[in-house]
Protein backbone atom coordinates (compact mmCIF):
# COMPACT_ATOMS: atom_id res chain seq x y z
CA MET A 1 -13.98 -65.97 -104.00
CA HIS A 2 -10.77 -67.63 -105.26
CA PRO A 3 -9.07 -69.65 -102.48
CA GLU A 4 -5.79 -67.85 -102.94
CA MET A 5 -7.53 -64.50 -102.56
CA MET A 6 -9.24 -65.68 -99.37
CA ILE A 7 -5.97 -66.81 -97.89
CA LYS A 8 -4.43 -63.47 -98.80
CA ASN A 9 -7.33 -61.54 -97.08
CA ILE A 10 -7.10 -63.72 -93.98
CA LYS A 11 -3.39 -63.05 -93.69
CA CYS A 12 -3.97 -59.29 -94.12
CA TYR A 13 -6.73 -59.31 -91.49
CA ALA A 14 -4.58 -61.27 -89.07
CA LYS A 15 -1.73 -58.85 -89.59
CA LYS A 16 -3.97 -55.88 -88.79
CA THR A 17 -5.42 -57.69 -85.78
CA ASN A 18 -1.98 -58.44 -84.42
CA LYS A 19 -1.06 -54.78 -84.70
CA LYS A 20 -4.17 -53.83 -82.76
CA ILE A 21 -3.45 -56.46 -80.11
CA THR A 22 0.10 -55.20 -79.86
CA LEU A 23 -1.12 -51.61 -79.45
CA VAL A 24 -3.62 -52.68 -76.80
CA PHE A 25 -0.94 -54.64 -75.00
CA ILE A 26 1.47 -51.69 -75.11
CA PHE A 27 -1.26 -49.30 -73.87
CA ALA A 28 -2.23 -51.70 -71.07
CA THR A 29 1.39 -52.14 -70.12
CA VAL A 30 1.98 -48.34 -70.05
CA PHE A 31 -1.26 -47.78 -68.10
CA THR A 32 -0.30 -50.48 -65.60
CA VAL A 33 3.14 -48.96 -65.17
CA LEU A 34 1.58 -45.54 -64.60
CA ILE A 35 -0.83 -46.95 -62.02
CA VAL A 36 2.00 -48.74 -60.25
CA CYS A 37 4.13 -45.55 -60.30
CA ARG A 38 1.21 -43.54 -58.97
CA MET A 39 0.61 -46.08 -56.22
CA ILE A 40 4.30 -45.99 -55.32
CA SER A 41 4.17 -42.18 -55.32
CA VAL A 42 1.03 -42.01 -53.23
CA GLN A 43 1.57 -44.87 -50.80
CA ILE A 44 5.30 -44.70 -50.34
CA ILE A 45 6.73 -41.39 -51.48
CA GLY A 46 3.66 -39.23 -50.65
CA ALA A 47 2.49 -41.15 -47.60
CA SER A 48 3.82 -38.59 -45.15
CA LYS A 49 2.17 -35.78 -47.11
CA ILE A 50 -1.18 -37.54 -47.12
CA GLU A 51 -0.79 -38.23 -43.43
CA GLN A 52 -0.18 -34.52 -42.81
CA ILE A 53 -3.28 -33.62 -44.81
CA CYS A 54 -5.37 -36.08 -42.81
CA LEU A 55 -3.88 -34.90 -39.54
CA LYS A 56 -4.42 -31.27 -40.44
CA LYS A 57 -8.02 -31.95 -41.32
CA ASN A 58 -8.63 -33.46 -37.90
CA ARG A 59 -6.33 -31.16 -35.93
CA ILE A 60 -7.90 -29.02 -33.22
CA ILE A 61 -6.06 -25.87 -32.13
CA MET A 62 -7.22 -24.41 -28.84
CA LYS A 63 -6.22 -20.91 -27.75
CA ASP A 64 -4.32 -20.75 -24.50
CA ARG A 65 -5.28 -17.32 -23.17
CA ALA A 66 -2.56 -15.53 -21.26
CA GLU A 67 -3.20 -14.75 -17.64
CA ARG A 68 -3.27 -11.02 -16.97
CA GLY A 69 -0.50 -9.58 -14.81
CA ASN A 70 -1.33 -8.62 -11.24
CA ILE A 71 -1.49 -5.09 -9.82
CA ILE A 72 -0.02 -4.79 -6.33
CA ASP A 73 0.63 -2.02 -3.80
CA ASN A 74 4.00 -0.87 -2.46
CA GLU A 75 4.09 -3.73 0.04
CA GLY A 76 3.10 -6.46 -2.41
CA ASN A 77 -0.56 -6.66 -1.41
CA TYR A 78 -2.83 -7.65 -4.29
CA ILE A 79 -5.07 -4.93 -5.71
CA ALA A 80 -6.03 -6.65 -8.99
CA ILE A 81 -5.66 -10.42 -9.43
CA ASN A 82 -7.11 -13.31 -11.43
CA ILE A 83 -9.42 -15.79 -9.72
CA PHE A 84 -11.35 -18.85 -10.84
CA SER A 85 -14.99 -18.09 -11.33
CA ASN A 86 -18.18 -19.86 -12.39
CA ASN A 87 -19.43 -17.83 -15.33
CA ILE A 88 -22.69 -18.25 -17.23
CA TYR A 89 -23.04 -17.69 -20.97
CA ILE A 90 -26.02 -17.99 -23.29
CA ILE A 91 -25.88 -19.25 -26.89
CA LYS A 92 -28.66 -17.16 -28.35
CA LYS A 93 -29.44 -19.31 -31.40
CA ARG A 94 -30.27 -22.24 -29.08
CA VAL A 95 -32.85 -20.24 -27.12
CA LEU A 96 -36.33 -21.46 -28.06
CA ASN A 97 -38.37 -19.26 -25.73
CA LYS A 98 -36.45 -16.36 -24.18
CA HIS A 99 -39.28 -15.35 -21.82
CA LYS A 100 -39.56 -18.85 -20.42
CA LEU A 101 -35.78 -19.10 -20.06
CA ALA A 102 -35.56 -15.68 -18.41
CA GLN A 103 -38.19 -16.68 -15.86
CA LYS A 104 -36.35 -19.90 -14.99
CA ILE A 105 -33.07 -18.04 -14.49
CA ALA A 106 -34.83 -15.36 -12.43
CA ASN A 107 -36.28 -18.09 -10.20
CA THR A 108 -32.74 -19.03 -9.13
CA GLY A 109 -32.31 -15.55 -7.64
CA ILE A 110 -29.06 -14.62 -9.35
CA MET A 111 -30.68 -12.08 -11.71
CA SER A 112 -34.04 -10.42 -12.16
CA TYR A 113 -36.30 -11.32 -15.08
CA ASP A 114 -35.87 -7.86 -16.67
CA LYS A 115 -32.08 -8.03 -16.50
CA VAL A 116 -32.04 -11.47 -18.14
CA ILE A 117 -34.32 -10.25 -20.94
CA ALA A 118 -32.11 -7.21 -21.48
CA LYS A 119 -29.12 -9.53 -21.86
CA LEU A 120 -30.99 -11.87 -24.22
CA ASN A 121 -31.88 -8.91 -26.44
CA SER A 122 -28.19 -8.47 -27.16
CA PRO A 123 -27.33 -8.52 -30.91
CA TYR A 124 -24.58 -11.04 -30.22
CA ASN A 125 -24.98 -14.81 -30.36
CA TYR A 126 -22.62 -15.61 -27.46
CA ILE A 127 -23.87 -13.62 -24.48
CA PRO A 128 -22.05 -13.32 -21.13
CA LEU A 129 -24.94 -13.53 -18.68
CA TYR A 130 -23.41 -13.52 -15.20
CA TYR A 131 -19.94 -13.75 -13.69
CA ASN A 132 -18.70 -15.30 -10.46
CA VAL A 133 -21.74 -17.36 -9.53
CA PRO A 134 -21.36 -18.81 -5.99
CA GLU A 135 -20.73 -22.56 -5.87
CA ASN A 136 -23.94 -23.20 -3.93
CA GLU A 137 -26.03 -21.54 -6.67
CA ILE A 138 -24.45 -23.28 -9.68
CA HIS A 139 -26.52 -26.46 -9.22
CA GLU A 140 -29.74 -24.41 -9.52
CA ILE A 141 -28.59 -23.16 -12.92
CA GLU A 142 -27.62 -26.69 -13.93
CA GLU A 143 -31.11 -27.94 -12.99
CA ILE A 144 -32.65 -25.65 -15.61
CA ASN A 145 -31.19 -28.18 -18.08
CA ASN A 146 -31.33 -25.88 -21.10
CA GLU A 147 -28.84 -26.46 -23.91
CA SER A 148 -28.55 -22.69 -24.49
CA ILE A 149 -26.91 -22.25 -21.05
CA ILE A 150 -23.15 -22.75 -20.89
CA ILE A 151 -21.40 -22.81 -17.50
CA LYS A 152 -17.66 -22.26 -17.60
CA ARG A 153 -15.14 -22.35 -14.81
CA GLU A 154 -12.55 -19.83 -15.92
CA LYS A 155 -10.28 -17.13 -14.61
CA ILE A 156 -11.61 -13.58 -14.38
CA ARG A 157 -10.20 -10.27 -13.18
CA TYR A 158 -10.94 -9.51 -9.55
CA TYR A 159 -10.31 -6.29 -7.62
CA ASN A 160 -9.74 -6.22 -3.87
CA HIS A 161 -11.38 -3.22 -2.15
CA ALA A 162 -12.75 -2.30 -5.58
CA ASP A 163 -14.48 0.94 -4.57
CA VAL A 164 -11.31 2.15 -2.84
CA PHE A 165 -8.95 1.58 -5.79
CA SER A 166 -11.19 1.55 -8.87
CA SER A 167 -10.59 5.15 -9.97
CA ILE A 168 -6.88 4.28 -10.23
CA THR A 169 -6.87 0.66 -11.42
CA GLY A 170 -9.76 1.05 -13.84
CA PHE A 171 -11.24 -2.22 -15.11
CA VAL A 172 -11.20 -4.70 -17.97
CA GLY A 173 -13.91 -5.62 -20.46
CA ILE A 174 -15.38 -8.98 -21.33
CA ASP A 175 -12.38 -9.71 -23.56
CA CYS A 176 -10.08 -8.91 -20.61
CA SER A 177 -8.66 -5.78 -22.30
CA GLY A 178 -8.05 -2.72 -20.13
CA LEU A 179 -10.73 -0.03 -20.46
CA GLU A 180 -9.86 2.52 -17.76
CA GLY A 181 -7.06 3.58 -15.42
CA ILE A 182 -3.89 1.54 -15.01
CA GLU A 183 -5.57 -1.40 -16.76
CA PHE A 184 -5.95 0.75 -19.88
CA GLU A 185 -2.71 2.72 -19.79
CA PHE A 186 -0.51 -0.35 -19.27
CA ASP A 187 -2.65 -2.90 -21.11
CA ASN A 188 0.27 -4.07 -23.29
CA ASN A 189 2.33 -4.87 -20.18
CA LEU A 190 -0.49 -6.54 -18.29
CA LYS A 191 -2.15 -8.64 -20.98
CA GLY A 192 0.73 -11.07 -21.63
CA THR A 193 1.06 -13.20 -24.77
CA ASP A 194 -1.55 -15.78 -25.78
CA GLY A 195 -0.41 -19.30 -26.71
CA PHE A 196 -2.12 -22.39 -28.10
CA MET A 197 -2.54 -26.14 -27.54
CA GLN A 198 -2.95 -28.68 -30.37
CA TYR A 199 -5.01 -31.89 -30.26
CA GLN A 200 -5.93 -34.60 -32.78
CA ARG A 201 -9.39 -36.08 -33.31
CA LYS A 202 -9.68 -39.86 -33.82
CA PRO A 203 -12.26 -41.32 -36.29
CA ASN A 204 -14.41 -42.18 -33.26
CA GLY A 205 -14.40 -38.52 -32.24
CA LYS A 206 -12.11 -38.83 -29.24
CA ILE A 207 -9.47 -36.15 -28.69
CA TYR A 208 -5.83 -36.97 -27.93
CA LYS A 209 -2.39 -35.35 -27.90
CA HIS A 210 -0.41 -36.20 -31.04
CA PRO A 211 3.33 -36.68 -30.34
CA SER A 212 4.38 -34.53 -33.32
CA TYR A 213 2.38 -31.48 -32.20
CA LYS A 214 4.13 -28.75 -30.25
CA ASP A 215 2.20 -26.42 -27.98
CA LYS A 216 3.03 -22.78 -27.39
CA PRO A 217 2.34 -22.00 -23.70
CA ALA A 218 0.82 -18.60 -22.89
CA GLN A 219 3.04 -16.09 -21.12
CA MET A 220 1.51 -14.29 -18.17
CA GLY A 221 1.49 -10.48 -18.27
CA GLN A 222 3.86 -8.41 -16.17
CA THR A 223 3.00 -7.52 -12.59
CA ILE A 224 2.69 -3.79 -12.00
CA GLN A 225 3.60 -2.51 -8.56
CA LEU A 226 2.08 0.82 -7.62
CA THR A 227 3.51 3.27 -5.11
CA LEU A 228 0.15 3.24 -3.30
CA ASN A 229 -0.07 1.95 0.24
CA SER A 230 -3.31 0.00 0.79
CA GLU A 231 -3.65 1.04 4.41
CA ILE A 232 -3.19 4.75 3.70
CA GLN A 233 -5.41 4.52 0.61
CA GLN A 234 -8.25 3.14 2.72
CA ILE A 235 -7.75 5.80 5.39
CA ALA A 236 -7.97 8.51 2.73
CA PHE A 237 -10.96 6.97 0.94
CA PHE A 238 -13.20 6.40 3.94
CA SER A 239 -12.35 9.76 5.54
CA LEU A 240 -13.15 11.47 2.24
CA LYS A 241 -16.41 9.53 1.91
CA ASP A 242 -17.41 10.68 5.38
CA TYR A 243 -16.88 14.36 4.54
CA VAL A 244 -18.44 14.26 1.06
CA ASP A 245 -21.55 12.61 2.54
CA ARG A 246 -21.56 14.89 5.58
CA TYR A 247 -21.61 18.04 3.46
CA ASN A 248 -23.69 16.53 0.65
CA ALA A 249 -20.94 17.48 -1.79
CA VAL A 250 -20.79 16.56 -5.47
CA ASN A 251 -17.47 14.77 -5.12
CA GLY A 252 -14.04 14.97 -3.53
CA ASN A 253 -10.50 13.76 -3.91
CA VAL A 254 -7.38 13.30 -1.81
CA ILE A 255 -3.75 12.81 -2.83
CA ILE A 256 -1.08 11.81 -0.31
CA MET A 257 2.56 11.75 -1.36
CA GLU A 258 6.04 11.24 0.03
CA VAL A 259 7.79 14.61 -0.04
CA LYS A 260 11.32 13.42 -0.81
CA THR A 261 10.51 10.77 -3.43
CA GLY A 262 7.31 11.98 -5.08
CA LYS A 263 5.78 8.52 -4.54
CA ILE A 264 2.01 8.73 -4.21
CA LEU A 265 0.79 6.77 -1.21
CA ALA A 266 -2.91 7.40 -1.79
CA MET A 267 -5.13 8.83 -4.49
CA ALA A 268 -8.71 8.60 -3.30
CA ASN A 269 -11.82 9.68 -5.19
CA TYR A 270 -15.43 9.66 -4.03
CA PRO A 271 -18.05 8.81 -5.24
CA SER A 272 -16.43 5.70 -6.66
CA TYR A 273 -17.57 2.50 -8.37
CA ASP A 274 -17.03 -1.27 -8.28
CA ALA A 275 -14.47 -2.28 -10.92
CA ASN A 276 -15.69 -5.88 -10.62
CA LEU A 277 -18.88 -4.82 -12.42
CA MET A 278 -16.84 -3.94 -15.54
CA GLY A 279 -17.93 -0.32 -15.70
CA SER A 280 -21.68 -0.90 -15.52
CA GLY A 281 -23.54 2.03 -14.02
CA ASP A 282 -22.87 5.77 -14.22
CA PRO A 283 -19.81 6.42 -16.47
CA ALA A 284 -19.13 9.65 -14.53
CA LEU A 285 -18.17 7.58 -11.49
CA CYS A 286 -15.24 6.07 -13.41
CA LYS A 287 -13.56 9.47 -13.38
CA ASN A 288 -10.29 9.99 -11.52
CA TYR A 289 -10.89 13.55 -10.27
CA SER A 290 -7.27 13.92 -9.18
CA VAL A 291 -5.97 14.07 -12.75
CA LEU A 292 -9.08 14.66 -14.87
CA SER A 293 -11.01 17.38 -13.03
CA LEU A 294 -10.01 20.99 -13.49
CA PHE A 295 -10.94 23.47 -10.80
CA GLU A 296 -10.14 27.06 -9.94
CA PRO A 297 -7.91 26.68 -6.87
CA GLY A 298 -8.67 29.90 -5.02
CA SER A 299 -6.42 30.81 -2.11
CA ILE A 300 -4.20 27.70 -2.23
CA PHE A 301 -2.83 29.30 -5.42
CA LYS A 302 -1.56 32.27 -3.40
CA LEU A 303 1.53 30.23 -2.57
CA ILE A 304 2.69 30.65 -6.17
CA THR A 305 2.16 34.41 -6.10
CA ALA A 306 4.02 34.51 -2.78
CA ALA A 307 6.87 32.44 -4.25
CA ALA A 308 7.29 34.96 -7.09
CA ALA A 309 7.31 37.90 -4.65
CA LEU A 310 10.05 36.34 -2.48
CA GLU A 311 12.11 34.69 -5.21
CA TYR A 312 12.43 37.93 -7.18
CA ASN A 313 12.95 40.08 -4.02
CA ILE A 314 9.92 42.24 -4.80
CA VAL A 315 8.14 42.13 -1.41
CA LYS A 316 9.36 41.20 2.07
CA GLU A 317 7.26 39.48 4.70
CA ASP A 318 6.88 42.64 6.84
CA ASP A 319 6.07 45.01 3.99
CA TYR A 320 2.53 46.38 4.12
CA VAL A 321 0.53 45.37 1.07
CA LYS A 322 -3.00 46.36 2.16
CA GLY A 323 -4.02 49.78 3.44
CA GLU A 324 -5.95 50.46 6.63
CA ASN A 325 -9.18 51.39 4.85
CA GLU A 326 -8.63 49.43 1.66
CA ASP A 327 -11.76 47.28 1.84
CA SER A 328 -12.26 46.73 -1.90
CA LEU A 329 -10.66 47.14 -5.31
CA ILE A 330 -12.43 48.03 -8.56
CA ILE A 331 -10.67 46.64 -11.64
CA ASN A 332 -12.20 46.74 -15.13
CA GLY A 333 -15.56 47.30 -13.50
CA HIS A 334 -15.24 44.27 -11.19
CA ILE A 335 -15.22 44.59 -7.41
CA ILE A 336 -12.70 42.52 -5.45
CA LYS A 337 -13.21 42.09 -1.70
CA ASP A 338 -11.87 39.98 1.14
CA SER A 339 -13.97 37.35 2.85
CA HIS A 340 -13.79 39.34 6.07
CA GLU A 341 -12.88 42.93 7.00
CA SER A 342 -9.43 43.78 8.30
CA GLY A 343 -7.16 46.76 8.75
CA ALA A 344 -3.72 47.25 7.26
CA LEU A 345 -1.94 43.97 6.50
CA THR A 346 1.67 43.01 5.81
CA PHE A 347 2.60 40.46 3.18
CA LYS A 348 2.85 37.72 5.83
CA GLU A 349 -0.45 38.75 7.45
CA SER A 350 -2.17 38.81 4.04
CA PHE A 351 -0.99 35.24 3.49
CA ILE A 352 -2.07 34.06 6.94
CA GLU A 353 -5.48 35.77 6.71
CA SER A 354 -5.80 34.94 2.98
CA SER A 355 -6.44 38.52 1.84
CA ASN A 356 -7.40 38.82 -1.82
CA ILE A 357 -6.80 42.56 -1.81
CA GLY A 358 -3.32 42.13 -0.39
CA PHE A 359 -2.41 39.60 -3.06
CA VAL A 360 -3.78 41.67 -5.92
CA ASN A 361 -1.49 44.48 -4.74
CA ILE A 362 1.44 42.05 -4.49
CA GLY A 363 0.72 40.80 -8.00
CA ASN A 364 0.75 44.34 -9.36
CA LYS A 365 4.21 44.82 -7.91
CA ILE A 366 5.45 41.53 -9.38
CA GLY A 367 4.10 42.28 -12.84
CA LYS A 368 2.45 39.87 -15.20
CA ARG A 369 5.68 38.68 -16.88
CA LEU A 370 7.42 37.45 -13.73
CA LEU A 371 4.16 36.07 -12.31
CA TYR A 372 3.56 34.09 -15.51
CA VAL A 373 7.13 32.75 -15.43
CA MET A 374 6.72 31.54 -11.82
CA ILE A 375 3.34 29.91 -12.50
CA ASN A 376 4.85 27.86 -15.31
CA ALA A 377 8.00 27.08 -13.32
CA MET A 378 5.87 25.68 -10.49
CA GLY A 379 4.28 23.16 -12.88
CA ILE A 380 0.96 24.85 -13.63
CA ASN A 381 -0.22 24.83 -17.25
CA LYS A 382 1.51 21.54 -18.13
CA LYS A 383 0.86 17.87 -17.51
CA VAL A 384 2.66 16.00 -14.76
CA ASN A 385 2.52 12.86 -16.99
CA ILE A 386 2.13 10.49 -14.08
CA GLY A 387 0.97 7.55 -16.21
CA LEU A 388 -2.80 7.76 -15.77
CA PRO A 389 -5.06 8.19 -18.81
CA GLY A 390 -6.83 11.48 -19.51
CA GLU A 391 -4.56 13.68 -17.40
CA GLN A 392 -5.32 17.38 -17.95
CA LYS A 393 -2.81 20.23 -18.34
CA GLY A 394 -4.98 22.97 -16.85
CA LEU A 395 -6.05 26.30 -18.29
CA LEU A 396 -4.05 29.52 -18.16
CA LEU A 397 -4.24 32.43 -20.57
CA ASN A 398 -0.95 33.55 -22.05
CA GLU A 399 0.38 36.65 -20.29
CA ARG A 400 -0.05 38.68 -23.49
CA GLU A 401 -3.81 38.17 -23.21
CA TRP A 402 -4.08 39.30 -19.60
CA ILE A 403 -6.02 42.47 -18.94
CA PRO A 404 -5.83 43.94 -15.40
CA ILE A 405 -8.79 41.91 -14.08
CA HIS A 406 -7.23 38.66 -15.36
CA GLN A 407 -3.97 39.36 -13.58
CA ALA A 408 -5.80 40.40 -10.41
CA ASN A 409 -7.90 37.21 -10.32
CA ILE A 410 -4.94 34.93 -11.01
CA CYS A 411 -3.05 36.41 -8.04
CA PHE A 412 -5.57 34.84 -5.65
CA GLY A 413 -6.39 31.72 -7.67
CA GLN A 414 -9.35 32.61 -9.86
CA GLY A 415 -9.26 32.70 -13.66
CA VAL A 416 -6.84 29.77 -13.75
CA SER A 417 -7.72 26.07 -13.73
CA VAL A 418 -5.56 23.29 -12.32
CA THR A 419 -5.69 19.65 -11.31
CA ALA A 420 -5.19 18.42 -7.76
CA LEU A 421 -2.04 16.63 -8.95
CA GLN A 422 -0.53 19.89 -10.26
CA MET A 423 -1.23 21.71 -7.00
CA ILE A 424 0.31 19.07 -4.74
CA ALA A 425 3.37 18.96 -7.00
CA SER A 426 3.71 22.76 -6.69
CA TYR A 427 3.47 22.71 -2.90
CA ASN A 428 5.97 19.88 -2.79
CA ILE A 429 8.56 22.26 -4.25
CA VAL A 430 8.35 24.31 -1.04
CA ALA A 431 8.29 21.20 1.17
CA ASN A 432 11.32 19.84 -0.71
CA ARG A 433 13.48 22.94 -0.14
CA GLY A 434 12.95 24.40 -3.58
CA TYR A 435 13.26 21.26 -5.73
CA TYR A 436 10.60 19.89 -8.07
CA ILE A 437 10.23 16.11 -7.89
CA LYS A 438 7.87 14.54 -10.38
CA PRO A 439 5.06 12.62 -8.67
CA GLN A 440 4.95 8.91 -9.51
CA ILE A 441 2.36 6.20 -9.05
CA ILE A 442 4.18 3.31 -10.81
CA ASN A 443 6.94 1.68 -8.79
CA LYS A 444 7.83 -1.36 -10.92
CA ILE A 445 6.74 -3.01 -14.16
CA GLY A 446 7.74 -6.66 -14.01
CA ASP A 447 11.28 -6.72 -12.65
CA THR A 448 12.10 -3.26 -13.96
CA LYS A 449 11.96 -0.29 -11.63
CA TYR A 450 10.06 2.60 -13.14
CA SER A 451 12.37 5.41 -14.20
CA VAL A 452 12.12 8.55 -12.10
CA SER A 453 12.87 12.01 -13.42
CA PRO A 454 15.74 13.81 -11.66
CA LYS A 455 14.80 16.60 -9.27
CA LYS A 456 15.05 20.13 -10.56
CA ARG A 457 15.60 23.34 -8.60
CA ILE A 458 12.76 25.81 -9.10
CA ILE A 459 13.18 28.32 -6.26
CA LYS A 460 16.04 29.09 -3.89
CA LYS A 461 16.31 27.17 -0.64
CA SER A 462 15.95 30.45 1.25
CA THR A 463 12.69 31.20 -0.59
CA SER A 464 11.25 27.80 0.29
CA SER A 465 12.31 28.28 3.93
CA ARG A 466 10.50 31.64 4.14
CA LEU A 467 7.38 30.20 2.51
CA ASN A 468 7.51 27.23 4.88
CA LYS A 469 7.41 29.55 7.88
CA MET A 470 4.42 31.40 6.44
CA LEU A 471 2.58 28.11 5.83
CA VAL A 472 3.24 27.04 9.42
CA SER A 473 1.78 30.35 10.62
CA VAL A 474 -1.39 29.76 8.58
CA VAL A 475 -2.03 26.56 10.58
CA LYS A 476 -0.92 27.94 13.93
CA SER A 477 -2.93 31.15 13.90
CA GLY A 478 -4.59 31.70 10.52
CA THR A 479 -7.30 30.17 8.34
CA GLY A 480 -5.78 26.68 8.63
CA ILE A 481 -5.98 26.42 12.41
CA LYS A 482 -8.41 23.47 12.21
CA ALA A 483 -5.71 21.42 10.49
CA ASN A 484 -3.48 21.74 13.56
CA ILE A 485 -2.41 18.49 15.29
CA PRO A 486 -0.77 18.57 18.74
CA GLY A 487 2.70 17.07 18.63
CA VAL A 488 3.29 17.68 14.92
CA THR A 489 4.07 20.93 13.13
CA ILE A 490 1.77 21.27 10.14
CA ALA A 491 2.40 23.66 7.24
CA GLY A 492 -0.50 24.35 4.92
CA LYS A 493 -2.96 26.66 3.20
CA THR A 494 -6.72 26.77 2.83
CA GLY A 495 -8.66 27.56 -0.31
CA THR A 496 -12.26 28.53 -1.02
CA ALA A 497 -12.96 29.24 -4.67
CA GLU A 498 -16.14 30.22 -6.47
CA LYS A 499 -16.96 27.78 -9.25
CA SER A 500 -16.87 29.20 -12.75
CA SER A 501 -19.84 28.95 -15.10
CA SER A 502 -19.58 27.58 -18.64
CA GLN A 503 -21.51 30.68 -19.73
CA GLY A 504 -18.94 32.99 -18.14
CA GLY A 505 -18.73 34.49 -14.68
CA TYR A 506 -19.23 32.48 -11.50
CA LEU A 507 -21.98 30.33 -10.04
CA LYS A 508 -23.75 31.61 -6.96
CA HIS A 509 -23.42 29.56 -3.79
CA LYS A 510 -21.20 26.94 -5.43
CA PHE A 511 -17.65 26.63 -4.13
CA THR A 512 -14.63 24.35 -4.12
CA SER A 513 -13.16 23.83 -0.67
CA SER A 514 -9.50 22.79 -0.42
CA PHE A 515 -6.46 22.43 1.80
CA VAL A 516 -2.85 21.58 0.92
CA GLY A 517 -0.37 20.81 3.67
CA TYR A 518 2.61 18.76 4.77
CA PHE A 519 4.26 17.52 7.96
CA PRO A 520 6.39 17.62 9.97
CA ALA A 521 7.23 21.13 8.78
CA GLU A 522 10.81 20.99 10.16
CA ASP A 523 11.70 18.04 7.91
CA PRO A 524 8.68 17.25 5.70
CA GLU A 525 7.86 13.60 4.98
CA ILE A 526 4.18 13.55 3.97
CA ILE A 527 2.29 16.05 1.81
CA MET A 528 -1.45 15.97 1.15
CA ILE A 529 -4.14 17.81 -0.81
CA VAL A 530 -7.85 17.48 -0.02
CA ILE A 531 -10.61 18.89 -2.22
CA ILE A 532 -14.36 18.93 -1.62
CA ASP A 533 -16.48 19.99 -4.59
CA GLU A 534 -19.63 21.97 -3.81
CA PRO A 535 -20.09 21.30 -0.10
CA LYS A 536 -23.58 22.35 1.03
CA GLY A 537 -24.15 24.70 3.97
CA ILE A 538 -20.66 25.35 5.29
CA TYR A 539 -18.24 25.67 2.38
CA TRP A 540 -15.11 27.45 3.64
CA GLY A 541 -11.85 25.58 3.19
CA SER A 542 -11.02 26.47 6.80
CA GLU A 543 -14.21 24.71 8.01
CA VAL A 544 -14.49 21.77 5.62
CA ALA A 545 -11.15 20.88 4.01
CA ALA A 546 -8.80 21.70 6.90
CA PRO A 547 -10.62 19.37 9.35
CA LEU A 548 -10.60 16.61 6.72
CA PHE A 549 -6.84 17.04 6.33
CA ARG A 550 -6.41 16.76 10.09
CA SER A 551 -8.62 13.65 10.29
CA ILE A 552 -6.59 11.82 7.62
CA ALA A 553 -3.24 13.00 9.02
CA GLU A 554 -4.14 11.83 12.53
CA ASN A 555 -4.97 8.36 11.21
CA ILE A 556 -1.70 8.20 9.28
CA LEU A 557 0.25 9.29 12.35
CA GLY A 558 -1.48 6.49 14.24
CA LEU A 559 0.23 3.94 12.01
CA LYS A 560 3.28 2.32 13.54
CA GLN A 561 5.70 3.47 10.82
CA TYR A 562 4.78 7.16 11.27
CA ARG A 563 4.43 7.53 15.02
CA TYR A 564 8.00 8.79 15.26
CA MET A 565 6.81 12.11 13.79
CA ILE A 566 4.78 12.94 16.91
CA LYS A 567 6.88 14.83 19.42
CA PRO A 568 6.09 15.42 23.11
CA LEU A 569 4.31 18.75 23.59
CA LYS A 570 7.04 19.96 25.96
CA GLU A 571 9.62 19.54 23.21
CA ILE A 572 7.52 21.57 20.79
CA HIS A 573 6.82 24.46 23.20
CA SER A 574 10.46 24.65 24.25
């Protein structure tokens, strides 16, 4: 190749090479600048963001469970509280041999082998095995040395005198949510607000509090103060237990209330259950008979018929309402008789002797319209709305559906269903000089006093005074004589009602025995209803319920704060 041509090619090649080198240099320079910018962005500008990502990745948030509010009585005594407990849990997926594990746990004595197996057959992975293990037994569980067993010291719900109060307080579940009674009805007030605590994990796995993390402390639930008095509640419960067991009855309930305020001092139900067992056992025992159970009241209902007769000036106390030889009535093919034979009876005598025939005749004079109006005015056929779950409104046919036998039965307390709470509220109208005061069982929620409905006049003061005298006569010389207490004037009424059948008609040899009364009759302070369901052998309200009323009343009058009600016998007779 010609030298000049070679020189020309070399120059051209060098020129192209220089361009390439320049491009490479520019690209390298731009790339370096980008890397530097990115490093500045990441290490300086974005350092805090990266730190937050790293922190978040290693942040541990632990739930701070709120402590449940306490339930206390009217004097501040604890009914439901939270206590520290040693609780045992099983992580199911870590169990290698459930039969072997069950046997080891059974050997400690805290649970039987069968009960442990039943728990281990749970579909859940995290199984609560046993609560509140005594301190001296914990080491035996620890010695099993099985990684599936978790022992936690944590707070649990605990109920003082659980069998005495359980039908009212109810209980909580494993998650500490209310499942029955006050615990269920006021769960939102009691449960409080959960919080949380934040921790950071170091690369070596250790946990520490990071200064930039803020915790949210849990807020304890509100304390609920009941109107119940623990001492009176226990008196009522154990007296009731004695009588239900003595007469081999199905169940029984007692309500004790302050006349002037409507505050319930005791609401006892038996049989009962242990709320600390979280509802395990027979679900029927969780029932609060006082507000859930409907029963035909029998003769205690005659007070309402009597109130209508006096309020509307239809019958006077000395008017004869039963003829000399009027031993039975036949209405729509049904025979109505009295429990015992008697001659002619006045209105007052029919009330004292509890004559069904006399009251059917009174009811006919009143008429179904006015009788129906009085029944509703006295609080029957509607809920009291006391604040306990499941409260029933009762059963009463509309007056337009009454045929003569319906009206006749209702006059003496059959063919109508009520709750014990409705009946005590009705009687309290008479004790409270004609005013209805809504019963209440909640005194305070937190620092707020529970609102009380204003009293409402239902019957005239003169009507309540006349009924009061008749109720006193029942206890002095009538069917309620076994409720009489020397030194205190008792006003009350007995009831013995046949139990209705779900197939219609009434069950043979099955009765509800009851008594409603208050004292002292001159200026009533305490009112009480007692009900015994299906007592065996003796079943009359005069023989079963009236003595129970007296037993409870005598114990209440033995308390220091109520002894003033007992007057010297000379003062009474004078």
